């Protein structure tokens, strides 16, 4: 089966976000590390993280009760929110 690293990278971040929202921050960090271990070029990495930022903003708009946790995830794990990383 052909493996698409871009989809895998995105999927790991999605699982990390879900884990973080469920209060499983250790699992979330593990999935972020799994994503970072996937070999994708820097442009693709940036675009996927930008897409994750969009997902977080959409989640915040539709599930306002998760807004703070989703924002915390962005600040902690997404380089778009942390330009110094």
PDB file of N, CA and C in Angstrom:
ATOM      1  N   UNK A   1       0.834  -1.173   0.000  1.00  0.00           N
ATOM      2  CA  UNK A   1       0.000   0.000   0.000  1.00  0.00           C
ATOM      3  C   UNK A   1       0.888   1.249   0.000  1.00  0.00           C
ATOM      4  N   UNK A   2       0.563   2.194  -0.836  1.00  0.00           N
ATOM      5  CA  UNK A   2       1.310   3.440  -0.947  1.00  0.00           C
ATOM      6  C   UNK A   2       1.029   4.318   0.271  1.00  0.00           C
ATOM      7  N   UNK A   3       2.089   4.813   0.870  1.00  0.00           N
ATOM      8  CA  UNK A   3       1.929   5.673   2.042  1.00  0.00           C
ATOM      9  C   UNK A   3       2.169   7.125   1.648  1.00  0.00           C
ATOM     10  N   UNK A   4       1.234   7.973   2.014  1.00  0.00           N
ATOM     11  CA  UNK A   4       1.343   9.388   1.719  1.00  0.00           C
ATOM     12  C   UNK A   4       1.802  10.107   2.993  1.00  0.00           C
ATOM     13  N   UNK A   5       3.060  10.571   3.048  1.00  0.00           N
ATOM     14  CA  UNK A   5       3.553  11.179   4.278  1.00  0.00           C
ATOM     15  C   UNK A   5       2.803  12.451   4.672  1.00  0.00           C
ATOM     16  N   UNK A   6       2.312  13.200   3.691  1.00  0.00           N
ATOM     17  CA  UNK A   6       1.578  14.419   4.006  1.00  0.00           C
ATOM     18  C   UNK A   6       0.293  14.107   4.764  1.00  0.00           C
ATOM     19  N   UNK A   7      -0.422  13.088   4.304  1.00  0.00           N
ATOM     20  CA  UNK A   7      -1.661  12.694   4.979  1.00  0.00           C
ATOM     21  C   UNK A   7      -1.369  12.157   6.367  1.00  0.00           C
ATOM     22  N   UNK A   8      -0.275  11.412   6.486  1.00  0.00           N
ATOM     23  CA  UNK A   8       0.107  10.876   7.786  1.00  0.00           C
ATOM     24  C   UNK A   8       0.454  12.003   8.765  1.00  0.00           C
ATOM     25  N   UNK A   9       1.194  12.981   8.287  1.00  0.00           N
ATOM     26  CA  UNK A   9       1.573  14.128   9.112  1.00  0.00           C
ATOM     27  C   UNK A   9       0.318  14.846   9.618  1.00  0.00           C
ATOM     28  N   UNK A  10      -0.612  15.103   8.708  1.00  0.00           N
ATOM     29  CA  UNK A  10      -1.871  15.770   9.061  1.00  0.00           C
ATOM     30  C   UNK A  10      -2.682  14.921  10.041  1.00  0.00           C
ATOM     31  N   UNK A  11      -2.746  13.620   9.796  1.00  0.00           N
ATOM     32  CA  UNK A  11      -3.519  12.724  10.662  1.00  0.00           C
ATOM     33  C   UNK A  11      -2.960  12.708  12.082  1.00  0.00           C
ATOM     34  N   UNK A  12      -1.642  12.659  12.213  1.00  0.00           N
ATOM     35  CA  UNK A  12      -1.049  12.675  13.551  1.00  0.00           C
ATOM     36  C   UNK A  12      -1.400  13.960  14.300  1.00  0.00           C
ATOM     37  N   UNK A  13      -1.373  15.084  13.597  1.00  0.00           N
ATOM     38  CA  UNK A  13      -1.745  16.340  14.256  1.00  0.00           C
ATOM     39  C   UNK A  13      -3.226  16.331  14.633  1.00  0.00           C
ATOM     40  N   UNK A  14      -4.068  15.762  13.797  1.00  0.00           N
ATOM     41  CA  UNK A  14      -5.486  15.664  14.124  1.00  0.00           C
ATOM     42  C   UNK A  14      -5.726  14.809  15.357  1.00  0.00           C
ATOM     43  N   UNK A  15      -5.013  13.695  15.441  1.00  0.00           N
ATOM     44  CA  UNK A  15      -5.137  12.825  16.610  1.00  0.00           C
ATOM     45  C   UNK A  15      -4.585  13.537  17.847  1.00  0.00           C
ATOM     46  N   UNK A  16      -3.506  14.286  17.659  1.00  0.00           N
ATOM     47  CA  UNK A  16      -2.931  15.041  18.780  1.00  0.00           C
ATOM     48  C   UNK A  16      -3.931  16.065  19.306  1.00  0.00           C
ATOM     49  N   UNK A  17      -4.587  16.779  18.403  1.00  0.00           N
ATOM     50  CA  UNK A  17      -5.589  17.761  18.823  1.00  0.00           C
ATOM     51  C   UNK A  17      -6.716  17.083  19.587  1.00  0.00           C
ATOM     52  N   UNK A  18      -7.216  15.985  19.074  1.00  0.00           N
ATOM     53  CA  UNK A  18      -8.290  15.251  19.748  1.00  0.00           C
ATOM     54  C   UNK A  18      -7.846  14.792  21.131  1.00  0.00           C
ATOM     55  N   UNK A  19      -6.653  14.232  21.210  1.00  0.00           N
ATOM     56  CA  UNK A  19      -6.134  13.776  22.503  1.00  0.00           C
ATOM     57  C   UNK A  19      -6.027  14.938  23.489  1.00  0.00           C
ATOM     58  N   UNK A  20      -5.526  16.063  23.012  1.00  0.00           N
ATOM     59  CA  UNK A  20      -5.360  17.239  23.871  1.00  0.00           C
ATOM     60  C   UNK A  20      -6.720  17.710  24.393  1.00  0.00           C
ATOM     61  N   UNK A  21      -7.707  17.727  23.522  1.00  0.00           N
ATOM     62  CA  UNK A  21      -9.048  18.163  23.926  1.00  0.00           C
ATOM     63  C   UNK A  21      -9.689  17.201  24.924  1.00  0.00           C
ATOM     64  N   UNK A  22      -9.248  15.950  24.899  1.00  0.00           N
ATOM     65  CA  UNK A  22      -9.751  14.957  25.843  1.00  0.00           C
ATOM     66  C   UNK A  22      -8.972  14.958  27.158  1.00  0.00           C
ATOM     67  N   UNK A  23      -8.013  15.889  27.259  1.00  0.00           N
ATOM     68  CA  UNK A  23      -7.231  15.984  28.487  1.00  0.00           C
ATOM     69  C   UNK A  23      -6.054  15.037  28.546  1.00  0.00           C
ATOM     70  N   UNK A  24      -5.713  14.455  27.425  1.00  0.00           N
ATOM     71  CA  UNK A  24      -4.608  13.492  27.361  1.00  0.00           C
ATOM     72  C   UNK A  24      -3.377  14.166  26.737  1.00  0.00           C
ATOM     73  N   UNK A  25      -2.810  15.119  27.480  1.00  0.00           N
ATOM     74  CA  UNK A  25      -1.733  15.931  26.917  1.00  0.00           C
ATOM     75  C   UNK A  25      -0.473  15.118  26.629  1.00  0.00           C
ATOM     76  N   UNK A  26      -0.204  14.086  27.410  1.00  0.00           N
ATOM     77  CA  UNK A  26       0.967  13.245  27.120  1.00  0.00           C
ATOM     78  C   UNK A  26       0.792  12.526  25.791  1.00  0.00           C
ATOM     79  N   UNK A  27      -0.396  11.998  25.555  1.00  0.00           N
ATOM     80  CA  UNK A  27      -0.676  11.349  24.273  1.00  0.00           C
ATOM     81  C   UNK A  27      -0.577  12.356  23.139  1.00  0.00           C
ATOM     82  N   UNK A  28      -1.109  13.553  23.359  1.00  0.00           N
ATOM     83  CA  UNK A  28      -1.056  14.599  22.330  1.00  0.00           C
ATOM     84  C   UNK A  28       0.384  14.898  21.956  1.00  0.00           C
ATOM     85  N   UNK A  29       1.223  15.044  22.944  1.00  0.00           N
ATOM     86  CA  UNK A  29       2.632  15.333  22.677  1.00  0.00           C
ATOM     87  C   UNK A  29       3.285  14.186  21.903  1.00  0.00           C
ATOM     88  N   UNK A  30       2.926  12.972  22.250  1.00  0.00           N
ATOM     89  CA  UNK A  30       3.454  11.810  21.531  1.00  0.00           C
ATOM     90  C   UNK A  30       3.054  11.822  20.066  1.00  0.00           C
ATOM     91  N   UNK A  31       1.815  12.170  19.781  1.00  0.00           N
ATOM     92  CA  UNK A  31       1.365  12.225  18.387  1.00  0.00           C
ATOM     93  C   UNK A  31       2.005  13.380  17.626  1.00  0.00           C
ATOM     94  N   UNK A  32       2.229  14.501  18.297  1.00  0.00           N
ATOM     95  CA  UNK A  32       2.946  15.607  17.648  1.00  0.00           C
ATOM     96  C   UNK A  32       4.358  15.153  17.295  1.00  0.00           C
ATOM     97  N   UNK A  33       4.993  14.432  18.214  1.00  0.00           N
ATOM     98  CA  UNK A  33       6.331  13.913  17.931  1.00  0.00           C
ATOM     99  C   UNK A  33       6.314  12.919  16.780  1.00  0.00           C
ATOM    100  N   UNK A  34       5.266  12.095  16.709  1.00  0.00           N
ATOM    101  CA  UNK A  34       5.123  11.164  15.578  1.00  0.00           C
ATOM    102  C   UNK A  34       5.014  11.943  14.267  1.00  0.00           C
ATOM    103  N   UNK A  35       4.237  13.020  14.292  1.00  0.00           N
ATOM    104  CA  UNK A  35       4.089  13.848  13.086  1.00  0.00           C
ATOM    105  C   UNK A  35       5.436  14.422  12.672  1.00  0.00           C
ATOM    106  N   UNK A  36       6.165  14.940  13.641  1.00  0.00           N
ATOM    107  CA  UNK A  36       7.455  15.552  13.328  1.00  0.00           C
ATOM    108  C   UNK A  36       8.470  14.539  12.803  1.00  0.00           C
ATOM    109  N   UNK A  37       8.259  13.260  13.124  1.00  0.00           N
ATOM    110  CA  UNK A  37       9.156  12.209  12.637  1.00  0.00           C
ATOM    111  C   UNK A  37       8.874  11.847  11.174  1.00  0.00           C
ATOM    112  N   UNK A  38       7.711  12.230  10.682  1.00  0.00           N
ATOM    113  CA  UNK A  38       7.352  11.957   9.284  1.00  0.00           C
ATOM    114  C   UNK A  38       8.126  12.939   8.400  1.00  0.00           C
ATOM    115  N   UNK A  39       8.738  12.423   7.372  1.00  0.00           N
ATOM    116  CA  UNK A  39       9.554  13.242   6.484  1.00  0.00           C
ATOM    117  C   UNK A  39       8.679  13.958   5.451  1.00  0.00           C
ATOM    118  N   UNK A  40       8.484  15.263   5.672  1.00  0.00           N
ATOM    119  CA  UNK A  40       7.813  16.113   4.690  1.00  0.00           C
ATOM    120  C   UNK A  40       8.663  17.370   4.532  1.00  0.00           C
ATOM    121  N   UNK A  41       8.603  17.975   3.365  1.00  0.00           N
ATOM    122  CA  UNK A  41       9.410  19.171   3.135  1.00  0.00           C
ATOM    123  C   UNK A  41       8.858  20.339   3.962  1.00  0.00           C
ATOM    124  N   UNK A  42       9.698  21.335   4.245  1.00  0.00           N
ATOM    125  CA  UNK A  42       9.284  22.454   5.112  1.00  0.00           C
ATOM    126  C   UNK A  42       8.058  23.209   4.604  1.00  0.00           C
ATOM    127  N   UNK A  43       7.930  23.369   3.294  1.00  0.00           N
ATOM    128  CA  UNK A  43       6.756  24.068   2.757  1.00  0.00           C
ATOM    129  C   UNK A  43       5.485  23.281   3.071  1.00  0.00           C
ATOM    130  N   UNK A  44       5.520  21.981   2.831  1.00  0.00           N
ATOM    131  CA  UNK A  44       4.362  21.133   3.098  1.00  0.00           C
ATOM    132  C   UNK A  44       4.042  21.133   4.583  1.00  0.00           C
ATOM    133  N   UNK A  45       5.060  21.052   5.415  1.00  0.00           N
ATOM    134  CA  UNK A  45       4.864  21.094   6.863  1.00  0.00           C
ATOM    135  C   UNK A  45       4.147  22.383   7.258  1.00  0.00           C
ATOM    136  N   UNK A  46       4.589  23.494   6.720  1.00  0.00           N
ATOM    137  CA  UNK A  46       3.972  24.780   7.014  1.00  0.00           C
ATOM    138  C   UNK A  46       2.511  24.828   6.561  1.00  0.00           C
ATOM    139  N   UNK A  47       2.250  24.296   5.372  1.00  0.00           N
ATOM    140  CA  UNK A  47       0.881  24.288   4.847  1.00  0.00           C
ATOM    141  C   UNK A  47      -0.042  23.396   5.676  1.00  0.00           C
ATOM    142  N   UNK A  48       0.458  22.259   6.110  1.00  0.00           N
ATOM    143  CA  UNK A  48      -0.359  21.356   6.928  1.00  0.00           C
ATOM    144  C   UNK A  48      -0.645  22.002   8.284  1.00  0.00           C
ATOM    145  N   UNK A  49       0.353  22.654   8.858  1.00  0.00           N
ATOM    146  CA  UNK A  49       0.129  23.320  10.133  1.00  0.00           C
ATOM    147  C   UNK A  49      -0.826  24.505   9.970  1.00  0.00           C
ATOM    148  N   UNK A  50      -0.761  25.186   8.828  1.00  0.00           N
ATOM    149  CA  UNK A  50      -1.713  26.260   8.545  1.00  0.00           C
ATOM    150  C   UNK A  50      -3.129  25.686   8.457  1.00  0.00           C
ATOM    151  N   UNK A  51      -3.268  24.519   7.838  1.00  0.00           N
ATOM    152  CA  UNK A  51      -4.557  23.846   7.758  1.00  0.00           C
ATOM    153  C   UNK A  51      -5.044  23.448   9.152  1.00  0.00           C
ATOM    154  N   UNK A  52      -4.134  22.990   9.999  1.00  0.00           N
ATOM    155  CA  UNK A  52      -4.513  22.655  11.374  1.00  0.00           C
ATOM    156  C   UNK A  52      -4.982  23.900  12.124  1.00  0.00           C
ATOM    157  N   UNK A  53      -4.329  25.037  11.877  1.00  0.00           N
ATOM    158  CA  UNK A  53      -4.778  26.292  12.495  1.00  0.00           C
ATOM    159  C   UNK A  53      -6.219  26.605  12.062  1.00  0.00           C
ATOM    160  N   UNK A  54      -6.504  26.373  10.789  1.00  0.00           N
ATOM    161  CA  UNK A  54      -7.868  26.579  10.287  1.00  0.00           C
ATOM    162  C   UNK A  54      -8.832  25.630  11.011  1.00  0.00           C
ATOM    163  N   UNK A  55      -8.440  24.368  11.148  1.00  0.00           N
ATOM    164  CA  UNK A  55      -9.282  23.393  11.842  1.00  0.00           C
ATOM    165  C   UNK A  55      -9.571  23.836  13.270  1.00  0.00           C
ATOM    166  N   UNK A  56      -8.539  24.357  13.945  1.00  0.00           N
ATOM    167  CA  UNK A  56      -8.706  24.822  15.327  1.00  0.00           C
ATOM    168  C   UNK A  56      -9.678  25.997  15.364  1.00  0.00           C
ATOM    169  N   UNK A  57      -9.525  26.943  14.455  1.00  0.00           N
ATOM    170  CA  UNK A  57     -10.419  28.112  14.435  1.00  0.00           C
ATOM    171  C   UNK A  57     -11.866  27.690  14.141  1.00  0.00           C
ATOM    172  N   UNK A  58     -12.040  26.753  13.237  1.00  0.00           N
ATOM    173  CA  UNK A  58     -13.375  26.234  12.936  1.00  0.00           C
ATOM    174  C   UNK A  58     -13.970  25.540  14.156  1.00  0.00           C
ATOM    175  N   UNK A  59     -13.160  24.755  14.829  1.00  0.00           N
ATOM    176  CA  UNK A  59     -13.611  24.087  16.051  1.00  0.00           C
ATOM    177  C   UNK A  59     -14.021  25.108  17.098  1.00  0.00           C
ATOM    178  N   UNK A  60     -13.218  26.155  17.252  1.00  0.00           N
ATOM    179  CA  UNK A  60     -13.532  27.192  18.233  1.00  0.00           C
ATOM    180  C   UNK A  60     -14.856  27.884  17.909  1.00  0.00           C
ATOM    181  N   UNK A  61     -15.126  28.087  16.646  1.00  0.00           N
ATOM    182  CA  UNK A  61     -16.370  28.741  16.243  1.00  0.00           C
ATOM    183  C   UNK A  61     -17.583  27.838  16.462  1.00  0.00           C
ATOM    184  N   UNK A  62     -17.399  26.545  16.206  1.00  0.00           N
ATOM    185  CA  UNK A  62     -18.537  25.622  16.285  1.00  0.00           C
ATOM    186  C   UNK A  62     -18.722  24.997  17.661  1.00  0.00           C
ATOM    187  N   UNK A  63     -17.654  24.887  18.408  1.00  0.00           N
ATOM    188  CA  UNK A  63     -17.705  24.282  19.755  1.00  0.00           C
ATOM    189  C   UNK A  63     -17.031  25.245  20.720  1.00  0.00           C
ATOM    190  N   UNK A  64     -17.697  26.330  21.034  1.00  0.00           N
ATOM    191  CA  UNK A  64     -17.083  27.392  21.820  1.00  0.00           C
ATOM    192  C   UNK A  64     -16.587  26.928  23.184  1.00  0.00           C
ATOM    193  N   UNK A  65     -17.188  25.910  23.724  1.00  0.00           N
ATOM    194  CA  UNK A  65     -16.764  25.398  25.025  1.00  0.00           C
ATOM    195  C   UNK A  65     -15.371  24.771  24.962  1.00  0.00           C
ATOM    196  N   UNK A  66     -14.876  24.472  23.751  1.00  0.00           N
ATOM    197  CA  UNK A  66     -13.529  23.931  23.575  1.00  0.00           C
ATOM    198  C   UNK A  66     -12.521  24.997  23.158  1.00  0.00           C
ATOM    199  N   UNK A  67     -12.962  26.232  23.069  1.00  0.00           N
ATOM    200  CA  UNK A  67     -12.142  27.299  22.518  1.00  0.00           C
ATOM    201  C   UNK A  67     -10.813  27.483  23.238  1.00  0.00           C
ATOM    202  N   UNK A  68     -10.826  27.531  24.560  1.00  0.00           N
ATOM    203  CA  UNK A  68      -9.591  27.752  25.301  1.00  0.00           C
ATOM    204  C   UNK A  68      -8.619  26.594  25.113  1.00  0.00           C
ATOM    205  N   UNK A  69      -9.112  25.363  25.213  1.00  0.00           N
ATOM    206  CA  UNK A  69      -8.240  24.199  25.047  1.00  0.00           C
ATOM    207  C   UNK A  69      -7.657  24.154  23.637  1.00  0.00           C
ATOM    208  N   UNK A  70      -8.461  24.455  22.643  1.00  0.00           N
ATOM    209  CA  UNK A  70      -7.988  24.442  21.261  1.00  0.00           C
ATOM    210  C   UNK A  70      -6.934  25.525  21.049  1.00  0.00           C
ATOM    211  N   UNK A  71      -7.161  26.682  21.632  1.00  0.00           N
ATOM    212  CA  UNK A  71      -6.184  27.764  21.535  1.00  0.00           C
ATOM    213  C   UNK A  71      -4.874  27.369  22.221  1.00  0.00           C
ATOM    214  N   UNK A  72      -4.976  26.736  23.378  1.00  0.00           N
ATOM    215  CA  UNK A  72      -3.779  26.266  24.083  1.00  0.00           C
ATOM    216  C   UNK A  72      -2.990  25.271  23.226  1.00  0.00           C
ATOM    217  N   UNK A  73      -3.706  24.373  22.551  1.00  0.00           N
ATOM    218  CA  UNK A  73      -3.049  23.411  21.668  1.00  0.00           C
ATOM    219  C   UNK A  73      -2.277  24.140  20.566  1.00  0.00           C
ATOM    220  N   UNK A  74      -2.923  25.111  19.940  1.00  0.00           N
ATOM    221  CA  UNK A  74      -2.267  25.866  18.870  1.00  0.00           C
ATOM    222  C   UNK A  74      -0.995  26.533  19.357  1.00  0.00           C
ATOM    223  N   UNK A  75      -1.092  27.197  20.484  1.00  0.00           N
ATOM    224  CA  UNK A  75       0.072  27.906  21.018  1.00  0.00           C
ATOM    225  C   UNK A  75       1.203  26.951  21.377  1.00  0.00           C
ATOM    226  N   UNK A  76       0.845  25.785  21.851  1.00  0.00           N
ATOM    227  CA  UNK A  76       1.853  24.840  22.313  1.00  0.00           C
ATOM    228  C   UNK A  76       2.493  24.037  21.176  1.00  0.00           C
ATOM    229  N   UNK A  77       1.718  23.654  20.167  1.00  0.00           N
ATOM    230  CA  UNK A  77       2.204  22.679  19.198  1.00  0.00           C
ATOM    231  C   UNK A  77       2.318  23.148  17.752  1.00  0.00           C
ATOM    232  N   UNK A  78       1.674  24.223  17.394  1.00  0.00           N
ATOM    233  CA  UNK A  78       1.693  24.625  15.986  1.00  0.00           C
ATOM    234  C   UNK A  78       2.657  25.789  15.795  1.00  0.00           C
ATOM    235  N   UNK A  79       3.612  25.625  14.894  1.00  0.00           N
ATOM    236  CA  UNK A  79       4.634  26.659  14.693  1.00  0.00           C
ATOM    237  C   UNK A  79       4.054  27.925  14.097  1.00  0.00           C
ATOM    238  N   UNK A  80       2.896  27.844  13.441  1.00  0.00           N
ATOM    239  CA  UNK A  80       2.250  29.039  12.928  1.00  0.00           C
ATOM    240  C   UNK A  80       1.902  29.972  14.083  1.00  0.00           C
ATOM    241  N   UNK A  81       1.571  29.387  15.241  1.00  0.00           N
ATOM    242  CA  UNK A  81       1.266  30.173  16.433  1.00  0.00           C
ATOM    243  C   UNK A  81       2.537  30.538  17.192  1.00  0.00           C
ATOM    244  N   UNK A  82       3.619  29.816  16.894  1.00  0.00           N
ATOM    245  CA  UNK A  82       4.899  30.018  17.567  1.00  0.00           C
ATOM    246  C   UNK A  82       5.989  30.258  16.530  1.00  0.00           C
ATOM    247  N   UNK A  83       6.050  31.429  15.935  1.00  0.00           N
ATOM    248  CA  UNK A  83       7.015  31.677  14.866  1.00  0.00           C
ATOM    249  C   UNK A  83       8.470  31.477  15.287  1.00  0.00           C
ATOM    250  N   UNK A  84       8.748  31.493  16.566  1.00  0.00           N
ATOM    251  CA  UNK A  84      10.110  31.318  17.020  1.00  0.00           C
ATOM    252  C   UNK A  84      10.583  29.878  17.040  1.00  0.00           C
ATOM    253  N   UNK A  85       9.689  28.940  16.775  1.00  0.00           N
ATOM    254  CA  UNK A  85      10.066  27.513  16.802  1.00  0.00           C
ATOM    255  C   UNK A  85      10.782  27.115  15.542  1.00  0.00           C
TER     256      UNK A  85
END
